[in-house]
């Protein structure tokens, strides 16, 4: 197993923290938090994508925003790809 695999649980843990923020803010029922909710949802998605790319042996390029990762989209399927986290439970 490559040393980079050790980063996978850390990325998943960070994604779960962002998801917890989304759930907490989303439960407030206020439209004023919409931008913060969307930001953390995007961050959660990006961190899960990074974890999956590492699992697939792909190099993580910087900046690691979703638009630069689109080239990998044909190489992976996030949902149902065998990546189990509490986000999908």
N, C-alpha and C. Protein backbone atom coordinates (compact mmCIF):
# COMPACT_ATOMS: atom_id res chain seq x y z
N UNK A 1 0.85 -1.19 0.00
CA UNK A 1 0.00 0.00 0.00
C UNK A 1 0.89 1.24 0.00
N UNK A 2 0.58 2.15 -0.87
CA UNK A 2 1.31 3.41 -1.02
C UNK A 2 1.15 4.28 0.23
N UNK A 3 2.20 5.06 0.54
CA UNK A 3 2.13 5.97 1.69
C UNK A 3 0.98 6.96 1.58
N UNK A 4 0.62 7.33 0.36
CA UNK A 4 -0.46 8.31 0.19
C UNK A 4 -1.80 7.76 0.70
N UNK A 5 -1.94 6.44 0.76
CA UNK A 5 -3.18 5.84 1.27
C UNK A 5 -3.44 6.22 2.71
N UNK A 6 -2.38 6.54 3.45
CA UNK A 6 -2.57 6.94 4.84
C UNK A 6 -3.37 8.23 4.95
N UNK A 7 -3.44 8.99 3.88
CA UNK A 7 -4.19 10.25 3.88
C UNK A 7 -5.69 10.03 3.68
N UNK A 8 -6.09 8.87 3.19
CA UNK A 8 -7.49 8.61 2.89
C UNK A 8 -8.39 8.76 4.12
N UNK A 9 -8.09 8.12 5.25
CA UNK A 9 -8.97 8.30 6.41
C UNK A 9 -9.03 9.75 6.89
N UNK A 10 -7.93 10.46 6.76
CA UNK A 10 -7.91 11.87 7.17
C UNK A 10 -8.84 12.71 6.28
N UNK A 11 -8.79 12.48 4.96
CA UNK A 11 -9.68 13.21 4.05
C UNK A 11 -11.14 12.88 4.35
N UNK A 12 -11.42 11.61 4.63
CA UNK A 12 -12.79 11.21 4.93
C UNK A 12 -13.26 11.85 6.23
N UNK A 13 -12.39 11.87 7.23
CA UNK A 13 -12.73 12.49 8.52
C UNK A 13 -13.03 13.99 8.33
N UNK A 14 -12.22 14.66 7.52
CA UNK A 14 -12.45 16.09 7.27
C UNK A 14 -13.76 16.30 6.52
N UNK A 15 -14.06 15.39 5.56
CA UNK A 15 -15.31 15.49 4.82
C UNK A 15 -16.50 15.30 5.75
N UNK A 16 -16.39 14.36 6.67
CA UNK A 16 -17.47 14.12 7.61
C UNK A 16 -17.70 15.33 8.51
N UNK A 17 -16.63 16.03 8.88
CA UNK A 17 -16.77 17.24 9.68
C UNK A 17 -17.51 18.32 8.90
N UNK A 18 -17.17 18.47 7.61
CA UNK A 18 -17.90 19.44 6.78
C UNK A 18 -19.37 19.04 6.66
N UNK A 19 -19.64 17.73 6.51
CA UNK A 19 -21.02 17.27 6.39
C UNK A 19 -21.80 17.56 7.68
N UNK A 20 -21.14 17.41 8.82
CA UNK A 20 -21.79 17.72 10.10
C UNK A 20 -22.18 19.20 10.16
N UNK A 21 -21.32 20.06 9.62
CA UNK A 21 -21.64 21.50 9.56
C UNK A 21 -22.85 21.72 8.66
N UNK A 22 -22.89 21.04 7.52
CA UNK A 22 -24.03 21.16 6.59
C UNK A 22 -25.32 20.75 7.30
N UNK A 23 -25.29 19.63 7.99
CA UNK A 23 -26.49 19.16 8.68
C UNK A 23 -26.90 20.11 9.80
N UNK A 24 -25.93 20.63 10.54
CA UNK A 24 -26.23 21.54 11.64
C UNK A 24 -26.82 22.84 11.12
N UNK A 25 -26.16 23.43 10.14
CA UNK A 25 -26.64 24.70 9.59
C UNK A 25 -27.95 24.52 8.83
N UNK A 26 -28.09 23.40 8.14
CA UNK A 26 -29.30 23.13 7.39
C UNK A 26 -30.52 22.97 8.28
N UNK A 27 -30.30 22.52 9.49
CA UNK A 27 -31.39 22.34 10.42
C UNK A 27 -31.86 23.63 11.08
N UNK A 28 -31.16 24.72 10.82
CA UNK A 28 -31.52 26.01 11.42
C UNK A 28 -32.75 26.63 10.75
N UNK A 29 -33.02 26.23 9.52
CA UNK A 29 -34.21 26.73 8.83
C UNK A 29 -34.15 28.19 8.43
N UNK A 30 -32.94 28.69 8.18
CA UNK A 30 -32.82 30.09 7.78
C UNK A 30 -32.11 30.20 6.44
N UNK A 31 -32.60 31.07 5.61
CA UNK A 31 -32.01 31.27 4.29
C UNK A 31 -30.70 32.05 4.35
N UNK A 32 -30.45 32.73 5.46
CA UNK A 32 -29.23 33.53 5.56
C UNK A 32 -27.97 32.66 5.63
N UNK A 33 -28.14 31.39 5.95
CA UNK A 33 -26.99 30.48 6.05
C UNK A 33 -26.75 29.69 4.76
N UNK A 34 -27.52 29.98 3.73
CA UNK A 34 -27.44 29.22 2.48
C UNK A 34 -26.01 29.16 1.93
N UNK A 35 -25.32 30.28 1.86
CA UNK A 35 -23.96 30.29 1.29
C UNK A 35 -23.01 29.43 2.11
N UNK A 36 -23.12 29.48 3.43
CA UNK A 36 -22.25 28.67 4.29
C UNK A 36 -22.55 27.19 4.10
N UNK A 37 -23.82 26.84 3.97
CA UNK A 37 -24.20 25.45 3.77
C UNK A 37 -23.65 24.93 2.44
N UNK A 38 -23.81 25.71 1.40
CA UNK A 38 -23.30 25.32 0.07
C UNK A 38 -21.79 25.18 0.10
N UNK A 39 -21.11 26.11 0.76
CA UNK A 39 -19.65 26.06 0.84
C UNK A 39 -19.20 24.75 1.49
N UNK A 40 -19.78 24.41 2.63
CA UNK A 40 -19.34 23.21 3.33
C UNK A 40 -19.75 21.94 2.59
N UNK A 41 -20.86 21.98 1.87
CA UNK A 41 -21.25 20.83 1.04
C UNK A 41 -20.23 20.62 -0.08
N UNK A 42 -19.79 21.71 -0.69
CA UNK A 42 -18.78 21.63 -1.74
C UNK A 42 -17.46 21.11 -1.16
N UNK A 43 -17.09 21.60 0.01
CA UNK A 43 -15.85 21.15 0.65
C UNK A 43 -15.92 19.66 0.97
N UNK A 44 -17.05 19.20 1.45
CA UNK A 44 -17.25 17.79 1.76
C UNK A 44 -17.06 16.95 0.49
N UNK A 45 -17.69 17.37 -0.59
CA UNK A 45 -17.59 16.65 -1.87
C UNK A 45 -16.16 16.61 -2.36
N UNK A 46 -15.48 17.74 -2.29
CA UNK A 46 -14.10 17.81 -2.77
C UNK A 46 -13.19 16.89 -1.96
N UNK A 47 -13.38 16.85 -0.65
CA UNK A 47 -12.52 16.01 0.19
C UNK A 47 -12.78 14.52 -0.06
N UNK A 48 -14.03 14.14 -0.28
CA UNK A 48 -14.33 12.75 -0.62
C UNK A 48 -13.74 12.40 -1.99
N UNK A 49 -13.79 13.35 -2.92
CA UNK A 49 -13.20 13.13 -4.23
C UNK A 49 -11.69 12.92 -4.11
N UNK A 50 -11.04 13.73 -3.29
CA UNK A 50 -9.59 13.57 -3.08
C UNK A 50 -9.28 12.20 -2.51
N UNK A 51 -10.07 11.76 -1.53
CA UNK A 51 -9.85 10.44 -0.93
C UNK A 51 -9.99 9.36 -1.99
N UNK A 52 -11.01 9.46 -2.82
CA UNK A 52 -11.24 8.46 -3.85
C UNK A 52 -10.14 8.47 -4.90
N UNK A 53 -9.68 9.65 -5.28
CA UNK A 53 -8.59 9.74 -6.25
C UNK A 53 -7.32 9.09 -5.71
N UNK A 54 -7.05 9.28 -4.42
CA UNK A 54 -5.90 8.63 -3.81
C UNK A 54 -6.07 7.12 -3.87
N UNK A 55 -7.28 6.63 -3.58
CA UNK A 55 -7.55 5.19 -3.65
C UNK A 55 -7.31 4.65 -5.05
N UNK A 56 -7.60 5.46 -6.04
CA UNK A 56 -7.43 5.04 -7.43
C UNK A 56 -6.01 5.25 -7.95
N UNK A 57 -5.14 5.78 -7.07
CA UNK A 57 -3.75 6.00 -7.46
C UNK A 57 -3.52 7.24 -8.29
N UNK A 58 -4.46 8.16 -8.29
CA UNK A 58 -4.33 9.39 -9.06
C UNK A 58 -3.59 10.45 -8.24
N UNK A 59 -2.76 11.21 -8.90
CA UNK A 59 -2.06 12.31 -8.23
C UNK A 59 -3.03 13.44 -7.98
N UNK A 60 -2.89 14.09 -6.85
CA UNK A 60 -3.72 15.23 -6.51
C UNK A 60 -2.97 16.48 -6.95
N UNK A 61 -3.54 17.18 -7.91
CA UNK A 61 -2.91 18.40 -8.42
C UNK A 61 -3.38 19.59 -7.63
N UNK A 62 -2.58 20.62 -7.60
CA UNK A 62 -2.94 21.87 -6.92
C UNK A 62 -3.12 22.94 -7.97
N UNK A 63 -4.09 23.82 -7.86
CA UNK A 63 -5.09 23.85 -6.80
C UNK A 63 -6.04 22.69 -6.97
N UNK A 64 -6.55 22.20 -5.88
CA UNK A 64 -7.40 21.02 -5.92
C UNK A 64 -8.86 21.41 -5.78
N UNK A 65 -9.32 22.24 -6.68
CA UNK A 65 -10.72 22.60 -6.70
C UNK A 65 -11.45 21.62 -7.61
N UNK A 66 -12.75 21.52 -7.45
CA UNK A 66 -13.51 20.59 -8.27
C UNK A 66 -13.33 20.80 -9.77
N UNK A 67 -13.30 22.05 -10.26
CA UNK A 67 -13.12 22.19 -11.71
C UNK A 67 -11.85 21.53 -12.23
N UNK A 68 -10.75 21.57 -11.48
CA UNK A 68 -9.53 20.94 -11.98
C UNK A 68 -9.59 19.43 -11.85
N UNK A 69 -10.51 18.92 -11.06
CA UNK A 69 -10.65 17.47 -10.88
C UNK A 69 -11.64 16.88 -11.87
N UNK A 70 -12.29 17.68 -12.66
CA UNK A 70 -13.30 17.16 -13.60
C UNK A 70 -12.70 16.17 -14.58
N UNK A 71 -11.40 16.32 -14.89
CA UNK A 71 -10.79 15.39 -15.82
C UNK A 71 -10.78 13.97 -15.28
N UNK A 72 -10.92 13.81 -13.98
CA UNK A 72 -10.95 12.49 -13.39
C UNK A 72 -12.35 11.89 -13.36
N UNK A 73 -13.36 12.67 -13.66
CA UNK A 73 -14.73 12.23 -13.46
C UNK A 73 -15.08 10.96 -14.22
N UNK A 74 -14.46 10.73 -15.35
CA UNK A 74 -14.76 9.52 -16.09
C UNK A 74 -14.05 8.31 -15.51
N UNK A 75 -13.18 8.51 -14.52
CA UNK A 75 -12.42 7.42 -13.94
C UNK A 75 -13.01 6.91 -12.64
N UNK A 76 -14.05 7.57 -12.13
CA UNK A 76 -14.58 7.13 -10.86
C UNK A 76 -16.05 7.41 -10.72
N UNK A 77 -16.64 6.65 -9.86
CA UNK A 77 -18.03 6.86 -9.49
C UNK A 77 -18.03 6.93 -7.97
N UNK A 78 -18.40 8.09 -7.44
CA UNK A 78 -18.32 8.27 -5.99
C UNK A 78 -19.34 7.42 -5.25
N UNK A 79 -20.57 7.44 -5.69
CA UNK A 79 -21.61 6.69 -4.99
C UNK A 79 -21.56 5.25 -5.48
N UNK A 80 -21.45 4.34 -4.55
CA UNK A 80 -21.40 2.93 -4.88
C UNK A 80 -20.04 2.45 -5.31
N UNK A 81 -19.01 3.22 -5.03
CA UNK A 81 -17.66 2.84 -5.45
C UNK A 81 -16.92 2.06 -4.37
N UNK A 82 -17.66 1.58 -3.39
CA UNK A 82 -17.02 0.81 -2.35
C UNK A 82 -16.43 1.65 -1.25
N UNK A 83 -16.69 2.93 -1.28
CA UNK A 83 -16.16 3.84 -0.27
C UNK A 83 -17.23 4.06 0.77
N UNK A 84 -17.10 3.45 1.92
CA UNK A 84 -18.12 3.54 2.95
C UNK A 84 -17.71 4.56 4.00
N UNK A 85 -18.56 5.52 4.22
CA UNK A 85 -18.38 6.48 5.31
C UNK A 85 -19.74 6.70 5.95
N UNK A 86 -19.72 7.36 7.08
CA UNK A 86 -20.98 7.62 7.76
C UNK A 86 -21.86 8.59 6.96
N UNK A 87 -21.30 9.22 5.94
CA UNK A 87 -22.08 10.15 5.13
C UNK A 87 -23.16 9.42 4.34
N UNK A 88 -22.93 8.15 4.03
CA UNK A 88 -23.89 7.41 3.23
C UNK A 88 -24.67 6.39 4.04
N UNK A 89 -24.52 6.41 5.33
CA UNK A 89 -25.26 5.47 6.19
C UNK A 89 -26.67 5.94 6.39
